[in-house]
Amino acid sequence: MSNSVLKNDKSFSLLFWGFLILAGCLVALKEHHQEDNSNILVLFDKTREAISQQKKVPVDQITLKSKFNRDLNFQDLDQDTLALQLNKKMGIDLDLNVFRKLETVGEAVDYIRTRMELKHEKSGSKNGK
């Protein structure tokens, strides 16, 4: 075999393995991103899906600026029900007294994000001990 054929085989092999490793990294990154529940967009989607199911409001009509009382016709009991549903769905502990005082979906999403971060910090400190 000539040197140019061997060089082409090695180049192809390196290129092939490089793409294979890159593809594996991209798949791992995508899976990690999808599991990241503290991502604000993921939290917003989960929150508005729960609101939509509970109040029969189309998802596309629920924004971060939507007010629970005025725009979504929520009462205290509705917010309690939503908080309990999100507790179960996301595995976090939302304080009903705090959640009831939130006025907008955006405030709720921010509060949920804060609680998720606290949960991750607590689980991280337990794993680190």
C-alpha atoms as a PDB file:
ATOM      1  CA  MET A   1       0.000   0.000   0.000  1.00  0.00           C
ATOM      2  CA  SER A   2       1.146   3.470  -0.703  1.00  0.00           C
ATOM      3  CA  ASN A   3       1.711   6.098   1.969  1.00  0.00           C
ATOM      4  CA  SER A   4      -1.129   8.297   0.696  1.00  0.00           C
ATOM      5  CA  VAL A   5      -3.666   5.462   1.108  1.00  0.00           C
ATOM      6  CA  LEU A   6      -2.471   4.794   4.666  1.00  0.00           C
ATOM      7  CA  LYS A   7      -2.649   8.506   5.499  1.00  0.00           C
ATOM      8  CA  ASN A   8      -6.210   8.683   4.106  1.00  0.00           C
ATOM      9  CA  ASP A   9      -7.234   5.621   6.147  1.00  0.00           C
ATOM     10  CA  LYS A  10      -5.793   7.175   9.326  1.00  0.00           C
ATOM     11  CA  SER A  11      -7.416  10.524   8.586  1.00  0.00           C
ATOM     12  CA  PHE A  12     -10.767   8.854   7.976  1.00  0.00           C
ATOM     13  CA  SER A  13     -10.423   6.813  11.145  1.00  0.00           C
ATOM     14  CA  LEU A  14      -9.578   9.878  13.247  1.00  0.00           C
ATOM     15  CA  LEU A  15     -12.409  11.832  11.673  1.00  0.00           C
ATOM     16  CA  PHE A  16     -14.855   8.985  12.266  1.00  0.00           C
ATOM     17  CA  TRP A  17     -13.902   8.599  15.937  1.00  0.00           C
ATOM     18  CA  GLY A  18     -13.985  12.368  16.432  1.00  0.00           C
ATOM     19  CA  PHE A  19     -17.530  12.576  15.111  1.00  0.00           C
ATOM     20  CA  LEU A  20     -18.548   9.580  17.202  1.00  0.00           C
ATOM     21  CA  ILE A  21     -17.225  11.195  20.384  1.00  0.00           C
ATOM     22  CA  LEU A  22     -18.839  14.518  19.486  1.00  0.00           C
ATOM     23  CA  ALA A  23     -22.194  12.811  18.868  1.00  0.00           C
ATOM     24  CA  GLY A  24     -21.971  11.085  22.256  1.00  0.00           C
ATOM     25  CA  CYS A  25     -21.227  14.384  23.983  1.00  0.00           C
ATOM     26  CA  LEU A  26     -24.166  16.089  22.266  1.00  0.00           C
ATOM     27  CA  VAL A  27     -26.557  13.314  23.296  1.00  0.00           C
ATOM     28  CA  ALA A  28     -25.338  13.506  26.903  1.00  0.00           C
ATOM     29  CA  LEU A  29     -25.676  17.303  26.901  1.00  0.00           C
ATOM     30  CA  LYS A  30     -29.207  17.119  25.499  1.00  0.00           C
ATOM     31  CA  GLU A  31     -30.265  14.562  28.129  1.00  0.00           C
ATOM     32  CA  HIS A  32     -28.737  16.670  30.902  1.00  0.00           C
ATOM     33  CA  HIS A  33     -30.514  19.792  29.637  1.00  0.00           C
ATOM     34  CA  GLN A  34     -33.876  18.004  29.474  1.00  0.00           C
ATOM     35  CA  GLU A  35     -33.483  16.796  33.069  1.00  0.00           C
ATOM     36  CA  ASP A  36     -32.586  20.263  34.335  1.00  0.00           C
ATOM     37  CA  ASN A  37     -35.831  21.176  36.096  1.00  0.00           C
ATOM     38  CA  SER A  38     -34.390  24.436  37.383  1.00  0.00           C
ATOM     39  CA  ASN A  39     -34.311  25.811  33.826  1.00  0.00           C
ATOM     40  CA  ILE A  40     -36.762  28.734  33.840  1.00  0.00           C
ATOM     41  CA  LEU A  41     -38.375  27.687  30.538  1.00  0.00           C
ATOM     42  CA  VAL A  42     -38.924  24.134  31.749  1.00  0.00           C
ATOM     43  CA  LEU A  43     -40.476  25.438  34.962  1.00  0.00           C
ATOM     44  CA  PHE A  44     -42.679  27.873  33.058  1.00  0.00           C
ATOM     45  CA  ASP A  45     -43.912  25.110  30.732  1.00  0.00           C
ATOM     46  CA  LYS A  46     -44.697  22.773  33.637  1.00  0.00           C
ATOM     47  CA  THR A  47     -46.432  25.545  35.566  1.00  0.00           C
ATOM     48  CA  ARG A  48     -48.610  26.707  32.696  1.00  0.00           C
ATOM     49  CA  GLU A  49     -49.490  23.111  31.768  1.00  0.00           C
ATOM     50  CA  ALA A  50     -50.705  22.600  35.335  1.00  0.00           C
ATOM     51  CA  ILE A  51     -52.669  25.873  35.232  1.00  0.00           C
ATOM     52  CA  SER A  52     -54.172  24.956  31.868  1.00  0.00           C
ATOM     53  CA  GLN A  53     -55.313  21.561  33.120  1.00  0.00           C
ATOM     54  CA  GLN A  54     -56.696  22.978  36.341  1.00  0.00           C
ATOM     55  CA  LYS A  55     -58.528  26.017  34.958  1.00  0.00           C
ATOM     56  CA  LYS A  56     -59.186  24.860  31.352  1.00  0.00           C
ATOM     57  CA  VAL A  57     -57.290  27.863  29.948  1.00  0.00           C
ATOM     58  CA  PRO A  58     -55.416  27.400  26.651  1.00  0.00           C
ATOM     59  CA  VAL A  59     -51.673  27.138  27.317  1.00  0.00           C
ATOM     60  CA  ASP A  60     -50.839  29.865  24.798  1.00  0.00           C
ATOM     61  CA  GLN A  61     -52.951  32.358  26.785  1.00  0.00           C
ATOM     62  CA  ILE A  62     -50.853  31.876  29.933  1.00  0.00           C
ATOM     63  CA  THR A  63     -47.821  34.166  30.098  1.00  0.00           C
ATOM     64  CA  LEU A  64     -45.328  35.083  32.797  1.00  0.00           C
ATOM     65  CA  LYS A  65     -47.306  38.322  33.278  1.00  0.00           C
ATOM     66  CA  SER A  66     -50.684  36.570  33.689  1.00  0.00           C
ATOM     67  CA  LYS A  67     -52.230  37.523  37.015  1.00  0.00           C
ATOM     68  CA  PHE A  68     -53.749  34.662  38.969  1.00  0.00           C
ATOM     69  CA  ASN A  69     -56.805  36.596  40.184  1.00  0.00           C
ATOM     70  CA  ARG A  70     -57.547  38.907  37.258  1.00  0.00           C
ATOM     71  CA  ASP A  71     -56.445  36.934  34.194  1.00  0.00           C
ATOM     72  CA  LEU A  72     -56.850  33.327  35.331  1.00  0.00           C
ATOM     73  CA  ASN A  73     -59.768  33.738  37.784  1.00  0.00           C
ATOM     74  CA  PHE A  74     -57.888  32.024  40.640  1.00  0.00           C
ATOM     75  CA  GLN A  75     -59.085  32.058  44.232  1.00  0.00           C
ATOM     76  CA  ASP A  76     -56.957  31.086  47.261  1.00  0.00           C
ATOM     77  CA  LEU A  77     -58.124  27.472  47.066  1.00  0.00           C
ATOM     78  CA  ASP A  78     -57.176  27.343  43.359  1.00  0.00           C
ATOM     79  CA  GLN A  79     -53.655  28.534  44.167  1.00  0.00           C
ATOM     80  CA  ASP A  80     -53.380  26.010  46.989  1.00  0.00           C
ATOM     81  CA  THR A  81     -54.451  23.248  44.602  1.00  0.00           C
ATOM     82  CA  LEU A  82     -51.917  24.409  42.015  1.00  0.00           C
ATOM     83  CA  ALA A  83     -49.129  24.535  44.609  1.00  0.00           C
ATOM     84  CA  LEU A  84     -49.937  21.011  45.798  1.00  0.00           C
ATOM     85  CA  GLN A  85     -50.040  19.741  42.228  1.00  0.00           C
ATOM     86  CA  LEU A  86     -46.653  21.342  41.468  1.00  0.00           C
ATOM     87  CA  ASN A  87     -45.237  19.950  44.744  1.00  0.00           C
ATOM     88  CA  LYS A  88     -46.130  16.474  43.583  1.00  0.00           C
ATOM     89  CA  LYS A  89     -45.117  16.966  39.951  1.00  0.00           C
ATOM     90  CA  MET A  90     -41.699  18.482  40.709  1.00  0.00           C
ATOM     91  CA  GLY A  91     -40.890  16.856  44.022  1.00  0.00           C
ATOM     92  CA  ILE A  92     -40.484  20.120  45.919  1.00  0.00           C
ATOM     93  CA  ASP A  93     -42.066  21.726  48.971  1.00  0.00           C
ATOM     94  CA  LEU A  94     -43.910  24.963  48.196  1.00  0.00           C
ATOM     95  CA  ASP A  95     -45.154  26.939  51.192  1.00  0.00           C
ATOM     96  CA  LEU A  96     -48.898  27.466  50.618  1.00  0.00           C
ATOM     97  CA  ASN A  97     -48.898  30.759  52.542  1.00  0.00           C
ATOM     98  CA  VAL A  98     -46.144  32.141  50.316  1.00  0.00           C
ATOM     99  CA  PHE A  99     -47.608  30.711  47.114  1.00  0.00           C
ATOM    100  CA  ARG A 100     -51.031  32.216  47.879  1.00  0.00           C
ATOM    101  CA  LYS A 101     -49.483  35.713  47.982  1.00  0.00           C
ATOM    102  CA  LEU A 102     -47.936  35.450  44.510  1.00  0.00           C
ATOM    103  CA  GLU A 103     -49.759  37.610  41.977  1.00  0.00           C
ATOM    104  CA  THR A 104     -48.392  36.480  38.610  1.00  0.00           C
ATOM    105  CA  VAL A 105     -47.342  33.262  36.914  1.00  0.00           C
ATOM    106  CA  GLY A 106     -43.842  34.746  36.595  1.00  0.00           C
ATOM    107  CA  GLU A 107     -43.626  35.254  40.355  1.00  0.00           C
ATOM    108  CA  ALA A 108     -44.744  31.650  40.843  1.00  0.00           C
ATOM    109  CA  VAL A 109     -42.135  30.349  38.397  1.00  0.00           C
ATOM    110  CA  ASP A 110     -39.423  32.376  40.149  1.00  0.00           C
ATOM    111  CA  TYR A 111     -40.521  31.029  43.542  1.00  0.00           C
ATOM    112  CA  ILE A 112     -40.541  27.459  42.187  1.00  0.00           C
ATOM    113  CA  ARG A 113     -37.039  27.980  40.740  1.00  0.00           C
ATOM    114  CA  THR A 114     -35.813  29.200  44.128  1.00  0.00           C
ATOM    115  CA  ARG A 115     -37.293  26.154  45.856  1.00  0.00           C
ATOM    116  CA  MET A 116     -35.733  23.836  43.237  1.00  0.00           C
ATOM    117  CA  GLU A 117     -32.320  25.431  43.808  1.00  0.00           C
ATOM    118  CA  LEU A 118     -32.698  24.958  47.578  1.00  0.00           C
ATOM    119  CA  LYS A 119     -33.605  21.322  47.004  1.00  0.00           C
ATOM    120  CA  HIS A 120     -30.508  20.830  44.822  1.00  0.00           C
ATOM    121  CA  GLU A 121     -28.273  22.560  47.396  1.00  0.00           C
ATOM    122  CA  LYS A 122     -29.619  20.355  50.185  1.00  0.00           C
ATOM    123  CA  SER A 123     -29.215  17.169  48.144  1.00  0.00           C
ATOM    124  CA  GLY A 124     -25.711  18.310  47.107  1.00  0.00           C
ATOM    125  CA  SER A 125     -24.670  18.876  50.703  1.00  0.00           C
ATOM    126  CA  LYS A 126     -26.019  15.450  51.697  1.00  0.00           C
ATOM    127  CA  ASN A 127     -24.109  13.778  48.859  1.00  0.00           C
ATOM    128  CA  GLY A 128     -20.942  15.675  49.766  1.00  0.00           C
ATOM    129  CA  LYS A 129     -20.890  14.434  53.373  1.00  0.00           C
END
